[in-house]
Amino acid sequence: MAQLNYQDTNSFLCPRSHYYGQVKPENLVFNANLQEFAQRVSYITSLETGGKLSTEEAFGKIEALWEKLESSKNKLGIGSDISLE
């Protein structure tokens, strides 16, 4: 049986989708952060569903991840150029 290298294993466990939006460095960075957020939320919800985490622990972890994602959005200036009319 062929051995998988680290890159193959990592891409299997944490797949990344292509970015189809407006190509700017801050958008690419935020997209990567958003995909990581989604992957981690998926792990946390699976652990909670499987009984390995309590509902409160899962909520706290997801809330902390959300705050981190929101902070990255603000630091990158994503959405700051939208005008309300």
PDB file of N, CA and C in Angstrom:
ATOM      1  N   MET A   1       0.841  -1.171   0.000  1.00  0.00           N
ATOM      2  CA  MET A   1       0.000   0.000   0.000  1.00  0.00           C
ATOM      3  C   MET A   1       0.895   1.245   0.000  1.00  0.00           C
ATOM      4  N   ALA A   2       0.530   2.213  -0.799  1.00  0.00           N
ATOM      5  CA  ALA A   2       1.320   3.437  -0.904  1.00  0.00           C
ATOM      6  C   ALA A   2       1.131   4.279   0.353  1.00  0.00           C
ATOM      7  N   GLN A   3       2.216   4.890   0.797  1.00  0.00           N
ATOM      8  CA  GLN A   3       2.143   5.763   1.958  1.00  0.00           C
ATOM      9  C   GLN A   3       1.754   7.163   1.531  1.00  0.00           C
ATOM     10  N   LEU A   4       0.845   7.775   2.294  1.00  0.00           N
ATOM     11  CA  LEU A   4       0.460   9.150   2.022  1.00  0.00           C
ATOM     12  C   LEU A   4       1.445  10.087   2.698  1.00  0.00           C
ATOM     13  N   ASN A   5       1.795  11.158   2.016  1.00  0.00           N
ATOM     14  CA  ASN A   5       2.664  12.130   2.656  1.00  0.00           C
ATOM     15  C   ASN A   5       1.812  13.146   3.415  1.00  0.00           C
ATOM     16  N   TYR A   6       2.460  14.009   4.151  1.00  0.00           N
ATOM     17  CA  TYR A   6       1.761  14.991   4.988  1.00  0.00           C
ATOM     18  C   TYR A   6       0.835  15.873   4.165  1.00  0.00           C
ATOM     19  N   GLN A   7       1.268  16.301   2.994  1.00  0.00           N
ATOM     20  CA  GLN A   7       0.461  17.201   2.150  1.00  0.00           C
ATOM     21  C   GLN A   7      -0.843  16.528   1.734  1.00  0.00           C
ATOM     22  N   ASP A   8      -0.769  15.260   1.339  1.00  0.00           N
ATOM     23  CA  ASP A   8      -1.975  14.531   0.955  1.00  0.00           C
ATOM     24  C   ASP A   8      -2.926  14.390   2.135  1.00  0.00           C
ATOM     25  N   THR A   9      -2.387  14.041   3.289  1.00  0.00           N
ATOM     26  CA  THR A   9      -3.210  13.871   4.481  1.00  0.00           C
ATOM     27  C   THR A   9      -3.849  15.188   4.883  1.00  0.00           C
ATOM     28  N   ASN A  10      -3.085  16.261   4.856  1.00  0.00           N
ATOM     29  CA  ASN A  10      -3.598  17.570   5.243  1.00  0.00           C
ATOM     30  C   ASN A  10      -4.695  18.037   4.288  1.00  0.00           C
ATOM     31  N   SER A  11      -4.514  17.831   3.003  1.00  0.00           N
ATOM     32  CA  SER A  11      -5.532  18.259   2.049  1.00  0.00           C
ATOM     33  C   SER A  11      -6.787  17.396   2.152  1.00  0.00           C
ATOM     34  N   PHE A  12      -6.651  16.161   2.617  1.00  0.00           N
ATOM     35  CA  PHE A  12      -7.812  15.304   2.829  1.00  0.00           C
ATOM     36  C   PHE A  12      -8.588  15.744   4.069  1.00  0.00           C
ATOM     37  N   LEU A  13      -7.885  16.015   5.162  1.00  0.00           N
ATOM     38  CA  LEU A  13      -8.538  16.393   6.415  1.00  0.00           C
ATOM     39  C   LEU A  13      -9.032  17.831   6.419  1.00  0.00           C
ATOM     40  N   CYS A  14      -8.332  18.712   5.755  1.00  0.00           N
ATOM     41  CA  CYS A  14      -8.685  20.132   5.726  1.00  0.00           C
ATOM     42  C   CYS A  14      -8.715  20.631   4.286  1.00  0.00           C
ATOM     43  N   PRO A  15      -9.719  20.240   3.517  1.00  0.00           N
ATOM     44  CA  PRO A  15      -9.759  20.672   2.114  1.00  0.00           C
ATOM     45  C   PRO A  15      -9.987  22.172   1.994  1.00  0.00           C
ATOM     46  N   ARG A  16      -9.431  22.757   0.977  1.00  0.00           N
ATOM     47  CA  ARG A  16      -9.610  24.186   0.705  1.00  0.00           C
ATOM     48  C   ARG A  16     -10.306  24.347  -0.634  1.00  0.00           C
ATOM     49  N   SER A  17     -11.263  25.254  -0.669  1.00  0.00           N
ATOM     50  CA  SER A  17     -11.971  25.540  -1.911  1.00  0.00           C
ATOM     51  C   SER A  17     -11.305  26.721  -2.603  1.00  0.00           C
ATOM     52  N   HIS A  18     -11.512  26.812  -3.902  1.00  0.00           N
ATOM     53  CA  HIS A  18     -10.988  27.939  -4.661  1.00  0.00           C
ATOM     54  C   HIS A  18     -11.776  29.194  -4.322  1.00  0.00           C
ATOM     55  N   TYR A  19     -11.143  30.340  -4.475  1.00  0.00           N
ATOM     56  CA  TYR A  19     -11.795  31.620  -4.225  1.00  0.00           C
ATOM     57  C   TYR A  19     -12.228  32.208  -5.553  1.00  0.00           C
ATOM     58  N   TYR A  20     -13.494  32.590  -5.657  1.00  0.00           N
ATOM     59  CA  TYR A  20     -14.039  33.093  -6.910  1.00  0.00           C
ATOM     60  C   TYR A  20     -14.420  34.563  -6.853  1.00  0.00           C
ATOM     61  N   GLY A  21     -14.161  35.245  -5.749  1.00  0.00           N
ATOM     62  CA  GLY A  21     -14.529  36.651  -5.622  1.00  0.00           C
ATOM     63  C   GLY A  21     -13.493  37.578  -6.222  1.00  0.00           C
ATOM     64  N   GLN A  22     -13.616  38.853  -5.876  1.00  0.00           N
ATOM     65  CA  GLN A  22     -12.674  39.861  -6.349  1.00  0.00           C
ATOM     66  C   GLN A  22     -11.305  39.578  -5.725  1.00  0.00           C
ATOM     67  N   VAL A  23     -10.298  39.416  -6.568  1.00  0.00           N
ATOM     68  CA  VAL A  23      -8.976  39.012  -6.095  1.00  0.00           C
ATOM     69  C   VAL A  23      -8.219  40.224  -5.557  1.00  0.00           C
ATOM     70  N   LYS A  24      -8.174  40.300  -4.241  1.00  0.00           N
ATOM     71  CA  LYS A  24      -7.369  41.289  -3.526  1.00  0.00           C
ATOM     72  C   LYS A  24      -6.740  40.540  -2.363  1.00  0.00           C
ATOM     73  N   PRO A  25      -5.547  40.923  -1.936  1.00  0.00           N
ATOM     74  CA  PRO A  25      -4.886  40.185  -0.859  1.00  0.00           C
ATOM     75  C   PRO A  25      -5.744  40.025   0.388  1.00  0.00           C
ATOM     76  N   GLU A  26      -6.428  41.088   0.799  1.00  0.00           N
ATOM     77  CA  GLU A  26      -7.231  40.998   2.023  1.00  0.00           C
ATOM     78  C   GLU A  26      -8.414  40.036   1.856  1.00  0.00           C
ATOM     79  N   ASN A  27      -8.974  39.968   0.646  1.00  0.00           N
ATOM     80  CA  ASN A  27     -10.067  39.031   0.400  1.00  0.00           C
ATOM     81  C   ASN A  27      -9.578  37.585   0.444  1.00  0.00           C
ATOM     82  N   LEU A  28      -8.405  37.346  -0.099  1.00  0.00           N
ATOM     83  CA  LEU A  28      -7.844  35.995  -0.082  1.00  0.00           C
ATOM     84  C   LEU A  28      -7.532  35.540   1.340  1.00  0.00           C
ATOM     85  N   VAL A  29      -6.971  36.446   2.137  1.00  0.00           N
ATOM     86  CA  VAL A  29      -6.649  36.112   3.526  1.00  0.00           C
ATOM     87  C   VAL A  29      -7.933  35.844   4.309  1.00  0.00           C
ATOM     88  N   PHE A  30      -8.937  36.701   4.130  1.00  0.00           N
ATOM     89  CA  PHE A  30     -10.183  36.504   4.850  1.00  0.00           C
ATOM     90  C   PHE A  30     -10.865  35.207   4.415  1.00  0.00           C
ATOM     91  N   ASN A  31     -10.810  34.886   3.132  1.00  0.00           N
ATOM     92  CA  ASN A  31     -11.394  33.643   2.655  1.00  0.00           C
ATOM     93  C   ASN A  31     -10.732  32.436   3.313  1.00  0.00           C
ATOM     94  N   ALA A  32      -9.418  32.463   3.435  1.00  0.00           N
ATOM     95  CA  ALA A  32      -8.701  31.368   4.108  1.00  0.00           C
ATOM     96  C   ALA A  32      -9.131  31.287   5.574  1.00  0.00           C
ATOM     97  N   ASN A  33      -9.263  32.444   6.236  1.00  0.00           N
ATOM     98  CA  ASN A  33      -9.709  32.462   7.629  1.00  0.00           C
ATOM     99  C   ASN A  33     -11.138  31.923   7.760  1.00  0.00           C
ATOM    100  N   LEU A  34     -11.986  32.279   6.815  1.00  0.00           N
ATOM    101  CA  LEU A  34     -13.377  31.823   6.832  1.00  0.00           C
ATOM    102  C   LEU A  34     -13.464  30.310   6.627  1.00  0.00           C
ATOM    103  N   GLN A  35     -12.655  29.772   5.736  1.00  0.00           N
ATOM    104  CA  GLN A  35     -12.650  28.323   5.519  1.00  0.00           C
ATOM    105  C   GLN A  35     -12.136  27.584   6.750  1.00  0.00           C
ATOM    106  N   GLU A  36     -11.116  28.144   7.409  1.00  0.00           N
ATOM    107  CA  GLU A  36     -10.607  27.530   8.639  1.00  0.00           C
ATOM    108  C   GLU A  36     -11.682  27.566   9.728  1.00  0.00           C
ATOM    109  N   PHE A  37     -12.392  28.687   9.836  1.00  0.00           N
ATOM    110  CA  PHE A  37     -13.492  28.808  10.799  1.00  0.00           C
ATOM    111  C   PHE A  37     -14.525  27.711  10.544  1.00  0.00           C
ATOM    112  N   ALA A  38     -14.946  27.564   9.313  1.00  0.00           N
ATOM    113  CA  ALA A  38     -15.961  26.569   8.976  1.00  0.00           C
ATOM    114  C   ALA A  38     -15.484  25.152   9.304  1.00  0.00           C
ATOM    115  N   GLN A  39     -14.227  24.860   9.016  1.00  0.00           N
ATOM    116  CA  GLN A  39     -13.688  23.531   9.291  1.00  0.00           C
ATOM    117  C   GLN A  39     -13.666  23.256  10.791  1.00  0.00           C
ATOM    118  N   ARG A  40     -13.238  24.239  11.574  1.00  0.00           N
ATOM    119  CA  ARG A  40     -13.169  24.053  13.027  1.00  0.00           C
ATOM    120  C   ARG A  40     -14.559  23.944  13.648  1.00  0.00           C
ATOM    121  N   VAL A  41     -15.507  24.727  13.146  1.00  0.00           N
ATOM    122  CA  VAL A  41     -16.883  24.616  13.639  1.00  0.00           C
ATOM    123  C   VAL A  41     -17.417  23.219  13.348  1.00  0.00           C
ATOM    124  N   SER A  42     -17.091  22.690  12.192  1.00  0.00           N
ATOM    125  CA  SER A  42     -17.516  21.334  11.847  1.00  0.00           C
ATOM    126  C   SER A  42     -16.953  20.315  12.835  1.00  0.00           C
ATOM    127  N   TYR A  43     -15.671  20.436  13.183  1.00  0.00           N
ATOM    128  CA  TYR A  43     -15.067  19.529  14.157  1.00  0.00           C
ATOM    129  C   TYR A  43     -15.744  19.654  15.518  1.00  0.00           C
ATOM    130  N   ILE A  44     -15.962  20.896  15.954  1.00  0.00           N
ATOM    131  CA  ILE A  44     -16.565  21.132  17.269  1.00  0.00           C
ATOM    132  C   ILE A  44     -17.977  20.568  17.323  1.00  0.00           C
ATOM    133  N   THR A  45     -18.763  20.801  16.288  1.00  0.00           N
ATOM    134  CA  THR A  45     -20.133  20.279  16.296  1.00  0.00           C
ATOM    135  C   THR A  45     -20.135  18.754  16.264  1.00  0.00           C
ATOM    136  N   SER A  46     -19.194  18.163  15.572  1.00  0.00           N
ATOM    137  CA  SER A  46     -19.102  16.697  15.563  1.00  0.00           C
ATOM    138  C   SER A  46     -18.737  16.166  16.944  1.00  0.00           C
ATOM    139  N   LEU A  47     -17.819  16.830  17.627  1.00  0.00           N
ATOM    140  CA  LEU A  47     -17.448  16.420  18.986  1.00  0.00           C
ATOM    141  C   LEU A  47     -18.624  16.576  19.947  1.00  0.00           C
ATOM    142  N   GLU A  48     -19.392  17.641  19.787  1.00  0.00           N
ATOM    143  CA  GLU A  48     -20.546  17.855  20.652  1.00  0.00           C
ATOM    144  C   GLU A  48     -21.622  16.817  20.366  1.00  0.00           C
ATOM    145  N   THR A  49     -21.869  16.545  19.099  1.00  0.00           N
ATOM    146  CA  THR A  49     -22.866  15.546  18.725  1.00  0.00           C
ATOM    147  C   THR A  49     -22.464  14.163  19.229  1.00  0.00           C
ATOM    148  N   GLY A  50     -21.170  13.879  19.210  1.00  0.00           N
ATOM    149  CA  GLY A  50     -20.666  12.587  19.671  1.00  0.00           C
ATOM    150  C   GLY A  50     -20.520  12.477  21.174  1.00  0.00           C
ATOM    151  N   GLY A  51     -20.843  13.545  21.891  1.00  0.00           N
ATOM    152  CA  GLY A  51     -20.782  13.501  23.348  1.00  0.00           C
ATOM    153  C   GLY A  51     -19.413  13.760  23.943  1.00  0.00           C
ATOM    154  N   LYS A  52     -18.464  14.182  23.143  1.00  0.00           N
ATOM    155  CA  LYS A  52     -17.108  14.447  23.636  1.00  0.00           C
ATOM    156  C   LYS A  52     -16.969  15.856  24.213  1.00  0.00           C
ATOM    157  N   LEU A  53     -17.870  16.751  23.837  1.00  0.00           N
ATOM    158  CA  LEU A  53     -17.905  18.118  24.363  1.00  0.00           C
ATOM    159  C   LEU A  53     -19.325  18.403  24.835  1.00  0.00           C
ATOM    160  N   SER A  54     -19.430  19.182  25.908  1.00  0.00           N
ATOM    161  CA  SER A  54     -20.766  19.603  26.331  1.00  0.00           C
ATOM    162  C   SER A  54     -21.243  20.713  25.397  1.00  0.00           C
ATOM    163  N   THR A  55     -22.540  20.952  25.426  1.00  0.00           N
ATOM    164  CA  THR A  55     -23.110  22.007  24.595  1.00  0.00           C
ATOM    165  C   THR A  55     -22.502  23.358  24.946  1.00  0.00           C
ATOM    166  N   GLU A  56     -22.308  23.611  26.240  1.00  0.00           N
ATOM    167  CA  GLU A  56     -21.736  24.880  26.684  1.00  0.00           C
ATOM    168  C   GLU A  56     -20.298  25.038  26.214  1.00  0.00           C
ATOM    169  N   GLU A  57     -19.515  23.954  26.299  1.00  0.00           N
ATOM    170  CA  GLU A  57     -18.121  24.004  25.819  1.00  0.00           C
ATOM    171  C   GLU A  57     -18.080  24.277  24.323  1.00  0.00           C
ATOM    172  N   ALA A  58     -18.930  23.578  23.580  1.00  0.00           N
ATOM    173  CA  ALA A  58     -18.971  23.756  22.130  1.00  0.00           C
ATOM    174  C   ALA A  58     -19.353  25.185  21.783  1.00  0.00           C
ATOM    175  N   PHE A  59     -20.366  25.706  22.451  1.00  0.00           N
ATOM    176  CA  PHE A  59     -20.792  27.082  22.184  1.00  0.00           C
ATOM    177  C   PHE A  59     -19.668  28.065  22.489  1.00  0.00           C
ATOM    178  N   GLY A  60     -18.987  27.880  23.608  1.00  0.00           N
ATOM    179  CA  GLY A  60     -17.880  28.766  23.972  1.00  0.00           C
ATOM    180  C   GLY A  60     -16.755  28.741  22.957  1.00  0.00           C
ATOM    181  N   LYS A  61     -16.425  27.546  22.479  1.00  0.00           N
ATOM    182  CA  LYS A  61     -15.354  27.428  21.485  1.00  0.00           C
ATOM    183  C   LYS A  61     -15.749  28.079  20.158  1.00  0.00           C
ATOM    184  N   ILE A  62     -16.999  27.869  19.751  1.00  0.00           N
ATOM    185  CA  ILE A  62     -17.460  28.476  18.497  1.00  0.00           C
ATOM    186  C   ILE A  62     -17.538  29.983  18.637  1.00  0.00           C
ATOM    187  N   GLU A  63     -17.974  30.462  19.792  1.00  0.00           N
ATOM    188  CA  GLU A  63     -18.036  31.905  20.026  1.00  0.00           C
ATOM    189  C   GLU A  63     -16.644  32.532  19.963  1.00  0.00           C
ATOM    190  N   ALA A  64     -15.645  31.861  20.534  1.00  0.00           N
ATOM    191  CA  ALA A  64     -14.267  32.369  20.494  1.00  0.00           C
ATOM    192  C   ALA A  64     -13.748  32.389  19.049  1.00  0.00           C
ATOM    193  N   LEU A  65     -14.068  31.346  18.284  1.00  0.00           N
ATOM    194  CA  LEU A  65     -13.655  31.317  16.874  1.00  0.00           C
ATOM    195  C   LEU A  65     -14.326  32.440  16.091  1.00  0.00           C
ATOM    196  N   TRP A  66     -15.606  32.702  16.380  1.00  0.00           N
ATOM    197  CA  TRP A  66     -16.339  33.765  15.706  1.00  0.00           C
ATOM    198  C   TRP A  66     -15.694  35.123  15.995  1.00  0.00           C
ATOM    199  N   GLU A  67     -15.350  35.361  17.251  1.00  0.00           N
ATOM    200  CA  GLU A  67     -14.723  36.632  17.623  1.00  0.00           C
ATOM    201  C   GLU A  67     -13.380  36.799  16.908  1.00  0.00           C
ATOM    202  N   LYS A  68     -12.638  35.710  16.793  1.00  0.00           N
ATOM    203  CA  LYS A  68     -11.357  35.749  16.079  1.00  0.00           C
ATOM    204  C   LYS A  68     -11.583  36.066  14.600  1.00  0.00           C
ATOM    205  N   LEU A  69     -12.596  35.458  13.990  1.00  0.00           N
ATOM    206  CA  LEU A  69     -12.911  35.721  12.585  1.00  0.00           C
ATOM    207  C   LEU A  69     -13.367  37.158  12.393  1.00  0.00           C
ATOM    208  N   GLU A  70     -14.211  37.640  13.293  1.00  0.00           N
ATOM    209  CA  GLU A  70     -14.689  39.020  13.207  1.00  0.00           C
ATOM    210  C   GLU A  70     -13.544  40.012  13.364  1.00  0.00           C
ATOM    211  N   SER A  71     -12.618  39.708  14.260  1.00  0.00           N
ATOM    212  CA  SER A  71     -11.443  40.560  14.448  1.00  0.00           C
ATOM    213  C   SER A  71     -10.590  40.601  13.176  1.00  0.00           C
ATOM    214  N   SER A  72     -10.414  39.445  12.532  1.00  0.00           N
ATOM    215  CA  SER A  72      -9.621  39.430  11.303  1.00  0.00           C
ATOM    216  C   SER A  72     -10.313  40.225  10.207  1.00  0.00           C
ATOM    217  N   LYS A  73     -11.638  40.144  10.143  1.00  0.00           N
ATOM    218  CA  LYS A  73     -12.410  40.916   9.162  1.00  0.00           C
ATOM    219  C   LYS A  73     -12.198  42.405   9.380  1.00  0.00           C
ATOM    220  N   ASN A  74     -12.276  42.832  10.623  1.00  0.00           N
ATOM    221  CA  ASN A  74     -12.088  44.249  10.930  1.00  0.00           C
ATOM    222  C   ASN A  74     -10.663  44.710  10.637  1.00  0.00           C
ATOM    223  N   LYS A  75      -9.665  43.898  11.003  1.00  0.00           N
ATOM    224  CA  LYS A  75      -8.268  44.262  10.760  1.00  0.00           C
ATOM    225  C   LYS A  75      -7.956  44.347   9.272  1.00  0.00           C
ATOM    226  N   LEU A  76      -8.589  43.488   8.478  1.00  0.00           N
ATOM    227  CA  LEU A  76      -8.352  43.487   7.035  1.00  0.00           C
ATOM    228  C   LEU A  76      -9.167  44.560   6.318  1.00  0.00           C
ATOM    229  N   GLY A  77     -10.134  45.154   7.017  1.00  0.00           N
ATOM    230  CA  GLY A  77     -10.952  46.205   6.413  1.00  0.00           C
ATOM    231  C   GLY A  77     -11.978  45.671   5.427  1.00  0.00           C
ATOM    232  N   ILE A  78     -12.381  44.432   5.600  1.00  0.00           N
ATOM    233  CA  ILE A  78     -13.376  43.826   4.715  1.00  0.00           C
ATOM    234  C   ILE A  78     -14.737  44.451   5.012  1.00  0.00           C
ATOM    235  N   GLY A  79     -15.418  44.928   3.960  1.00  0.00           N
ATOM    236  CA  GLY A  79     -16.752  45.490   4.127  1.00  0.00           C
ATOM    237  C   GLY A  79     -16.787  46.930   4.586  1.00  0.00           C
ATOM    238  N   SER A  80     -15.622  47.540   4.794  1.00  0.00           N
ATOM    239  CA  SER A  80     -15.601  48.915   5.276  1.00  0.00           C
ATOM    240  C   SER A  80     -15.874  49.915   4.158  1.00  0.00           C
ATOM    241  N   ASP A  81     -15.795  49.467   2.904  1.00  0.00           N
ATOM    242  CA  ASP A  81     -16.002  50.374   1.769  1.00  0.00           C
ATOM    243  C   ASP A  81     -17.450  50.343   1.269  1.00  0.00           C
ATOM    244  N   ILE A  82     -18.320  49.641   1.969  1.00  0.00           N
ATOM    245  CA  ILE A  82     -19.729  49.575   1.580  1.00  0.00           C
ATOM    246  C   ILE A  82     -20.452  50.818   2.092  1.00  0.00           C
ATOM    247  N   SER A  83     -21.123  51.512   1.192  1.00  0.00           N
ATOM    248  CA  SER A  83     -21.849  52.712   1.599  1.00  0.00           C
ATOM    249  C   SER A  83     -23.323  52.373   1.721  1.00  0.00           C
ATOM    250  N   LEU A  84     -23.951  52.901   2.749  1.00  0.00           N
ATOM    251  CA  LEU A  84     -25.382  52.707   2.947  1.00  0.00           C
ATOM    252  C   LEU A  84     -26.132  53.869   2.321  1.00  0.00           C
ATOM    253  N   GLU A  85     -27.036  53.553   1.436  1.00  0.00           N
ATOM    254  CA  GLU A  85     -27.792  54.601   0.769  1.00  0.00           C
ATOM    255  C   GLU A  85     -29.248  54.492   1.092  1.00  0.00           C
TER     256      GLU A  85
END
